[in-house]
PDB file of N, CA and C in Angstrom:
ATOM      1  N   MET A   1      10.447  83.749 161.300  1.00  0.00           N
ATOM      2  CA  MET A   1      10.837  85.096 161.687  1.00  0.00           C
ATOM      3  C   MET A   1       9.638  86.040 161.681  1.00  0.00           C
ATOM      4  N   GLY A   2       8.478  85.579 161.319  1.00  0.00           N
ATOM      5  CA  GLY A   2       7.282  86.403 161.365  1.00  0.00           C
ATOM      6  C   GLY A   2       7.365  87.547 160.381  1.00  0.00           C
ATOM      7  N   ASP A   3       6.986  88.762 160.847  1.00  0.00           N
ATOM      8  CA  ASP A   3       7.018  89.936 159.996  1.00  0.00           C
ATOM      9  C   ASP A   3       8.382  90.609 159.991  1.00  0.00           C
ATOM     10  N   ASP A   4       9.333  90.072 160.756  1.00  0.00           N
ATOM     11  CA  ASP A   4      10.665  90.666 160.798  1.00  0.00           C
ATOM     12  C   ASP A   4      11.339  90.492 159.443  1.00  0.00           C
ATOM     13  N   MET A   5      12.261  91.398 159.149  1.00  0.00           N
ATOM     14  CA  MET A   5      12.924  91.404 157.857  1.00  0.00           C
ATOM     15  C   MET A   5      14.418  91.115 158.042  1.00  0.00           C
ATOM     16  N   ARG A   6      15.018  90.445 157.071  1.00  0.00           N
ATOM     17  CA  ARG A   6      16.468  90.260 157.071  1.00  0.00           C
ATOM     18  C   ARG A   6      17.021  90.864 155.791  1.00  0.00           C
ATOM     19  N   LYS A   7      17.939  91.781 155.949  1.00  0.00           N
ATOM     20  CA  LYS A   7      18.591  92.453 154.835  1.00  0.00           C
ATOM     21  C   LYS A   7      19.989  91.864 154.672  1.00  0.00           C
ATOM     22  N   GLU A   8      20.475  91.785 153.444  1.00  0.00           N
ATOM     23  CA  GLU A   8      21.801  91.240 153.155  1.00  0.00           C
ATOM     24  C   GLU A   8      22.699  92.359 152.616  1.00  0.00           C
ATOM     25  N   ILE A   9      23.925  92.428 153.142  1.00  0.00           N
ATOM     26  CA  ILE A   9      24.903  93.391 152.645  1.00  0.00           C
ATOM     27  C   ILE A   9      26.190  92.644 152.332  1.00  0.00           C
ATOM     28  N   ASP A  10      26.653  92.784 151.100  1.00  0.00           N
ATOM     29  CA  ASP A  10      27.942  92.221 150.689  1.00  0.00           C
ATOM     30  C   ASP A  10      28.925  93.385 150.616  1.00  0.00           C
ATOM     31  N   ALA A  11      29.775  93.494 151.636  1.00  0.00           N
ATOM     32  CA  ALA A  11      30.738  94.593 151.712  1.00  0.00           C
ATOM     33  C   ALA A  11      32.161  94.122 151.403  1.00  0.00           C
ATOM     34  N   LYS A  12      32.276  92.945 150.774  1.00  0.00           N
ATOM     35  CA  LYS A  12      33.606  92.450 150.415  1.00  0.00           C
ATOM     36  C   LYS A  12      34.253  93.417 149.418  1.00  0.00           C
ATOM     37  N   GLY A  13      35.530  93.686 149.642  1.00  0.00           N
ATOM     38  CA  GLY A  13      36.260  94.607 148.781  1.00  0.00           C
ATOM     39  C   GLY A  13      36.152  96.062 149.210  1.00  0.00           C
ATOM     40  N   MET A  14      35.249  96.375 150.125  1.00  0.00           N
ATOM     41  CA  MET A  14      35.102  97.740 150.631  1.00  0.00           C
ATOM     42  C   MET A  14      36.058  97.941 151.797  1.00  0.00           C
ATOM     43  N   ARG A  15      36.633  99.105 151.880  1.00  0.00           N
ATOM     44  CA  ARG A  15      37.552  99.427 152.968  1.00  0.00           C
ATOM     45  C   ARG A  15      36.926 100.457 153.895  1.00  0.00           C
ATOM     46  N   CYS A  16      37.408 100.469 155.115  1.00  0.00           N
ATOM     47  CA  CYS A  16      36.953 101.368 156.164  1.00  0.00           C
ATOM     48  C   CYS A  16      36.929 102.801 155.627  1.00  0.00           C
ATOM     49  N   PRO A  17      35.841 103.503 155.841  1.00  0.00           N
ATOM     50  CA  PRO A  17      34.651 103.218 156.649  1.00  0.00           C
ATOM     51  C   PRO A  17      33.462 102.718 155.835  1.00  0.00           C
ATOM     52  N   LYS A  18      33.657 102.376 154.572  1.00  0.00           N
ATOM     53  CA  LYS A  18      32.545 102.036 153.676  1.00  0.00           C
ATOM     54  C   LYS A  18      31.620 100.930 154.202  1.00  0.00           C
ATOM     55  N   PRO A  19      32.136  99.794 154.768  1.00  0.00           N
ATOM     56  CA  PRO A  19      31.177  98.787 155.271  1.00  0.00           C
ATOM     57  C   PRO A  19      30.234  99.333 156.343  1.00  0.00           C
ATOM     58  N   ILE A  20      30.746 100.172 157.224  1.00  0.00           N
ATOM     59  CA  ILE A  20      29.902 100.757 158.277  1.00  0.00           C
ATOM     60  C   ILE A  20      28.927 101.765 157.681  1.00  0.00           C
ATOM     61  N   ILE A  21      29.354 102.507 156.683  1.00  0.00           N
ATOM     62  CA  ILE A  21      28.448 103.454 156.009  1.00  0.00           C
ATOM     63  C   ILE A  21      27.289 102.696 155.367  1.00  0.00           C
ATOM     64  N   GLU A  22      27.585 101.563 154.729  1.00  0.00           N
ATOM     65  CA  GLU A  22      26.523 100.748 154.123  1.00  0.00           C
ATOM     66  C   GLU A  22      25.565 100.212 155.186  1.00  0.00           C
ATOM     67  N   LEU A  23      26.105  99.810 156.332  1.00  0.00           N
ATOM     68  CA  LEU A  23      25.243  99.368 157.437  1.00  0.00           C
ATOM     69  C   LEU A  23      24.340 100.498 157.920  1.00  0.00           C
ATOM     70  N   ALA A  24      24.908 101.674 158.072  1.00  0.00           N
ATOM     71  CA  ALA A  24      24.124 102.824 158.547  1.00  0.00           C
ATOM     72  C   ALA A  24      23.004 103.166 157.565  1.00  0.00           C
ATOM     73  N   LYS A  25      23.272 103.078 156.273  1.00  0.00           N
ATOM     74  CA  LYS A  25      22.227 103.328 155.271  1.00  0.00           C
ATOM     75  C   LYS A  25      21.109 102.294 155.395  1.00  0.00           C
ATOM     76  N   ALA A  26      21.497 101.029 155.516  1.00  0.00           N
ATOM     77  CA  ALA A  26      20.501  99.959 155.618  1.00  0.00           C
ATOM     78  C   ALA A  26      19.689 100.083 156.896  1.00  0.00           C
ATOM     79  N   ARG A  27      20.308 100.530 157.957  1.00  0.00           N
ATOM     80  CA  ARG A  27      19.656 100.660 159.271  1.00  0.00           C
ATOM     81  C   ARG A  27      18.432 101.563 159.207  1.00  0.00           C
ATOM     82  N   ARG A  28      18.483 102.560 158.351  1.00  0.00           N
ATOM     83  CA  ARG A  28      17.394 103.539 158.263  1.00  0.00           C
ATOM     84  C   ARG A  28      16.050 102.904 157.911  1.00  0.00           C
ATOM     85  N   SER A  29      16.080 101.771 157.211  1.00  0.00           N
ATOM     86  CA  SER A  29      14.823 101.156 156.768  1.00  0.00           C
ATOM     87  C   SER A  29      14.396  99.974 157.641  1.00  0.00           C
ATOM     88  N   LEU A  30      15.067  99.767 158.769  1.00  0.00           N
ATOM     89  CA  LEU A  30      14.769  98.612 159.610  1.00  0.00           C
ATOM     90  C   LEU A  30      13.983  98.989 160.857  1.00  0.00           C
ATOM     91  N   ASN A  31      13.305  97.987 161.397  1.00  0.00           N
ATOM     92  CA  ASN A  31      12.518  98.132 162.616  1.00  0.00           C
ATOM     93  C   ASN A  31      13.057  97.185 163.678  1.00  0.00           C
ATOM     94  N   PRO A  32      12.642  97.366 164.935  1.00  0.00           N
ATOM     95  CA  PRO A  32      13.055  96.418 165.968  1.00  0.00           C
ATOM     96  C   PRO A  32      12.699  94.986 165.561  1.00  0.00           C
ATOM     97  N   GLY A  33      13.644  94.075 165.788  1.00  0.00           N
ATOM     98  CA  GLY A  33      13.460  92.681 165.421  1.00  0.00           C
ATOM     99  C   GLY A  33      14.030  92.323 164.060  1.00  0.00           C
ATOM    100  N   ASP A  34      14.255  93.335 163.214  1.00  0.00           N
ATOM    101  CA  ASP A  34      14.841  93.080 161.899  1.00  0.00           C
ATOM    102  C   ASP A  34      16.310  92.724 162.040  1.00  0.00           C
ATOM    103  N   GLU A  35      16.846  92.105 160.995  1.00  0.00           N
ATOM    104  CA  GLU A  35      18.234  91.646 161.018  1.00  0.00           C
ATOM    105  C   GLU A  35      18.958  92.063 159.744  1.00  0.00           C
ATOM    106  N   ILE A  36      20.266  92.196 159.885  1.00  0.00           N
ATOM    107  CA  ILE A  36      21.145  92.417 158.730  1.00  0.00           C
ATOM    108  C   ILE A  36      22.213  91.341 158.769  1.00  0.00           C
ATOM    109  N   ASN A  37      22.394  90.679 157.650  1.00  0.00           N
ATOM    110  CA  ASN A  37      23.503  89.749 157.482  1.00  0.00           C
ATOM    111  C   ASN A  37      24.531  90.466 156.611  1.00  0.00           C
ATOM    112  N   VAL A  38      25.722  90.659 157.147  1.00  0.00           N
ATOM    113  CA  VAL A  38      26.748  91.405 156.417  1.00  0.00           C
ATOM    114  C   VAL A  38      28.007  90.561 156.276  1.00  0.00           C
ATOM    115  N   VAL A  39      28.612  90.635 155.091  1.00  0.00           N
ATOM    116  CA  VAL A  39      29.859  89.942 154.801  1.00  0.00           C
ATOM    117  C   VAL A  39      30.877  91.002 154.413  1.00  0.00           C
ATOM    118  N   ALA A  40      32.046  90.983 155.073  1.00  0.00           N
ATOM    119  CA  ALA A  40      33.088  91.969 154.796  1.00  0.00           C
ATOM    120  C   ALA A  40      34.459  91.332 154.956  1.00  0.00           C
ATOM    121  N   ASP A  41      35.439  91.928 154.294  1.00  0.00           N
ATOM    122  CA  ASP A  41      36.811  91.420 154.413  1.00  0.00           C
ATOM    123  C   ASP A  41      37.811  92.524 154.781  1.00  0.00           C
ATOM    124  N   ASP A  42      37.317  93.646 155.257  1.00  0.00           N
ATOM    125  CA  ASP A  42      38.180  94.732 155.713  1.00  0.00           C
ATOM    126  C   ASP A  42      38.768  94.358 157.074  1.00  0.00           C
ATOM    127  N   PRO A  43      40.091  94.476 157.257  1.00  0.00           N
ATOM    128  CA  PRO A  43      40.705  94.098 158.531  1.00  0.00           C
ATOM    129  C   PRO A  43      40.149  94.846 159.750  1.00  0.00           C
ATOM    130  N   ALA A  44      39.658  96.057 159.555  1.00  0.00           N
ATOM    131  CA  ALA A  44      39.134  96.853 160.672  1.00  0.00           C
ATOM    132  C   ALA A  44      37.656  96.585 160.942  1.00  0.00           C
ATOM    133  N   PHE A  45      37.013  95.775 160.111  1.00  0.00           N
ATOM    134  CA  PHE A  45      35.558  95.621 160.203  1.00  0.00           C
ATOM    135  C   PHE A  45      35.092  95.085 161.549  1.00  0.00           C
ATOM    136  N   GLU A  46      35.754  94.082 162.080  1.00  0.00           N
ATOM    137  CA  GLU A  46      35.293  93.478 163.331  1.00  0.00           C
ATOM    138  C   GLU A  46      35.230  94.491 164.466  1.00  0.00           C
ATOM    139  N   SER A  47      36.290  95.248 164.678  1.00  0.00           N
ATOM    140  CA  SER A  47      36.276  96.232 165.761  1.00  0.00           C
ATOM    141  C   SER A  47      35.338  97.392 165.446  1.00  0.00           C
ATOM    142  N   ASP A  48      35.279  97.814 164.174  1.00  0.00           N
ATOM    143  CA  ASP A  48      34.348  98.880 163.787  1.00  0.00           C
ATOM    144  C   ASP A  48      32.908  98.450 164.018  1.00  0.00           C
ATOM    145  N   LEU A  49      32.605  97.199 163.684  1.00  0.00           N
ATOM    146  CA  LEU A  49      31.246  96.690 163.828  1.00  0.00           C
ATOM    147  C   LEU A  49      30.801  96.698 165.281  1.00  0.00           C
ATOM    148  N   LYS A  50      31.654  96.224 166.162  1.00  0.00           N
ATOM    149  CA  LYS A  50      31.300  96.196 167.587  1.00  0.00           C
ATOM    150  C   LYS A  50      31.037  97.603 168.118  1.00  0.00           C
ATOM    151  N   ALA A  51      31.866  98.556 167.740  1.00  0.00           N
ATOM    152  CA  ALA A  51      31.669  99.941 168.176  1.00  0.00           C
ATOM    153  C   ALA A  51      30.375 100.517 167.590  1.00  0.00           C
ATOM    154  N   TRP A  52      30.116 100.241 166.323  1.00  0.00           N
ATOM    155  CA  TRP A  52      28.914 100.762 165.684  1.00  0.00           C
ATOM    156  C   TRP A  52      27.664 100.182 166.329  1.00  0.00           C
ATOM    157  N   CYS A  53      27.672  98.884 166.618  1.00  0.00           N
ATOM    158  CA  CYS A  53      26.501  98.252 167.242  1.00  0.00           C
ATOM    159  C   CYS A  53      26.186  98.868 168.602  1.00  0.00           C
ATOM    160  N   ASP A  54      27.203  99.261 169.338  1.00  0.00           N
ATOM    161  CA  ASP A  54      26.986  99.894 170.636  1.00  0.00           C
ATOM    162  C   ASP A  54      26.184 101.186 170.501  1.00  0.00           C
ATOM    163  N   THR A  55      26.346 101.894 169.398  1.00  0.00           N
ATOM    164  CA  THR A  55      25.650 103.162 169.209  1.00  0.00           C
ATOM    165  C   THR A  55      24.390 103.047 168.359  1.00  0.00           C
ATOM    166  N   ALA A  56      24.249 101.949 167.599  1.00  0.00           N
ATOM    167  CA  ALA A  56      23.145 101.825 166.646  1.00  0.00           C
ATOM    168  C   ALA A  56      21.953 101.033 167.182  1.00  0.00           C
ATOM    169  N   GLY A  57      22.043 100.531 168.400  1.00  0.00           N
ATOM    170  CA  GLY A  57      20.922  99.787 168.956  1.00  0.00           C
ATOM    171  C   GLY A  57      20.761  98.403 168.355  1.00  0.00           C
ATOM    172  N   CYS A  58      21.887  97.725 168.175  1.00  0.00           N
ATOM    173  CA  CYS A  58      21.801  96.361 167.663  1.00  0.00           C
ATOM    174  C   CYS A  58      22.783  95.479 168.409  1.00  0.00           C
ATOM    175  N   GLU A  59      22.605  94.190 168.236  1.00  0.00           N
ATOM    176  CA  GLU A  59      23.523  93.239 168.837  1.00  0.00           C
ATOM    177  C   GLU A  59      24.077  92.338 167.749  1.00  0.00           C
ATOM    178  N   VAL A  60      25.286  91.868 167.950  1.00  0.00           N
ATOM    179  CA  VAL A  60      25.882  90.902 167.037  1.00  0.00           C
ATOM    180  C   VAL A  60      25.372  89.528 167.471  1.00  0.00           C
ATOM    181  N   ALA A  61      24.413  88.992 166.724  1.00  0.00           N
ATOM    182  CA  ALA A  61      23.821  87.705 167.072  1.00  0.00           C
ATOM    183  C   ALA A  61      24.779  86.557 166.771  1.00  0.00           C
ATOM    184  N   SER A  62      25.583  86.708 165.719  1.00  0.00           N
ATOM    185  CA  SER A  62      26.609  85.717 165.403  1.00  0.00           C
ATOM    186  C   SER A  62      27.674  86.365 164.536  1.00  0.00           C
ATOM    187  N   MET A  63      28.877  85.812 164.629  1.00  0.00           N
ATOM    188  CA  MET A  63      29.978  86.294 163.799  1.00  0.00           C
ATOM    189  C   MET A  63      30.881  85.109 163.493  1.00  0.00           C
ATOM    190  N   ASP A  64      31.155  84.909 162.216  1.00  0.00           N
ATOM    191  CA  ASP A  64      32.021  83.824 161.773  1.00  0.00           C
ATOM    192  C   ASP A  64      33.153  84.411 160.943  1.00  0.00           C
ATOM    193  N   LYS A  65      34.340  83.839 161.097  1.00  0.00           N
ATOM    194  CA  LYS A  65      35.490  84.255 160.304  1.00  0.00           C
ATOM    195  C   LYS A  65      35.956  83.086 159.463  1.00  0.00           C
ATOM    196  N   ASP A  66      36.233  83.376 158.206  1.00  0.00           N
ATOM    197  CA  ASP A  66      36.806  82.397 157.295  1.00  0.00           C
ATOM    198  C   ASP A  66      37.964  83.098 156.597  1.00  0.00           C
ATOM    199  N   GLY A  67      39.163  82.939 157.141  1.00  0.00           N
ATOM    200  CA  GLY A  67      40.304  83.695 156.639  1.00  0.00           C
ATOM    201  C   GLY A  67      40.106  85.165 156.955  1.00  0.00           C
ATOM    202  N   GLN A  68      40.125  85.997 155.933  1.00  0.00           N
ATOM    203  CA  GLN A  68      39.916  87.444 156.113  1.00  0.00           C
ATOM    204  C   GLN A  68      38.441  87.825 156.077  1.00  0.00           C
ATOM    205  N   THR A  69      37.576  86.908 155.671  1.00  0.00           N
ATOM    206  CA  THR A  69      36.154  87.229 155.496  1.00  0.00           C
ATOM    207  C   THR A  69      35.389  87.017 156.800  1.00  0.00           C
ATOM    208  N   ILE A  70      34.638  88.040 157.165  1.00  0.00           N
ATOM    209  CA  ILE A  70      33.791  88.006 158.362  1.00  0.00           C
ATOM    210  C   ILE A  70      32.336  88.060 157.913  1.00  0.00           C
ATOM    211  N   THR A  71      31.541  87.142 158.448  1.00  0.00           N
ATOM    212  CA  THR A  71      30.094  87.150 158.213  1.00  0.00           C
ATOM    213  C   THR A  71      29.439  87.377 159.563  1.00  0.00           C
ATOM    214  N   ALA A  72      28.642  88.435 159.645  1.00  0.00           N
ATOM    215  CA  ALA A  72      28.004  88.780 160.918  1.00  0.00           C
ATOM    216  C   ALA A  72      26.501  88.932 160.729  1.00  0.00           C
ATOM    217  N   LEU A  73      25.758  88.443 161.693  1.00  0.00           N
ATOM    218  CA  LEU A  73      24.311  88.622 161.723  1.00  0.00           C
ATOM    219  C   LEU A  73      24.006  89.599 162.858  1.00  0.00           C
ATOM    220  N   LEU A  74      23.380  90.704 162.491  1.00  0.00           N
ATOM    221  CA  LEU A  74      23.036  91.751 163.460  1.00  0.00           C
ATOM    222  C   LEU A  74      21.531  91.762 163.673  1.00  0.00           C
ATOM    223  N   LYS A  75      21.123  91.883 164.915  1.00  0.00           N
ATOM    224  CA  LYS A  75      19.694  91.952 165.245  1.00  0.00           C
ATOM    225  C   LYS A  75      19.423  93.303 165.903  1.00  0.00           C
ATOM    226  N   PHE A  76      18.395  93.989 165.420  1.00  0.00           N
ATOM    227  CA  PHE A  76      18.093  95.329 165.918  1.00  0.00           C
ATOM    228  C   PHE A  76      17.036  95.281 166.993  1.00  0.00           C
ATOM    229  N   LYS A  77      17.258  96.100 168.009  1.00  0.00           N
ATOM    230  CA  LYS A  77      16.373  96.148 169.174  1.00  0.00           C
ATOM    231  C   LYS A  77      15.248  97.132 168.951  1.00  0.00           C
TER     232      LYS A  77
END
């Protein structure tokens, strides 16, 4: 990954809008090419994440669901 950074966020147990707020806080310290791996179990997280990425300049590189738990890897442009 070179000089790019990957940040980890465990948002399990947090309810809307807290997982997105945590992402927005983490975003402030990232540069293009950096990534965030986030794990959340809020039912609204998937749709909130897609909407947030549209405005935050990132893409969902991968998303996996295991029951209620969603693990997403976001890459910033």
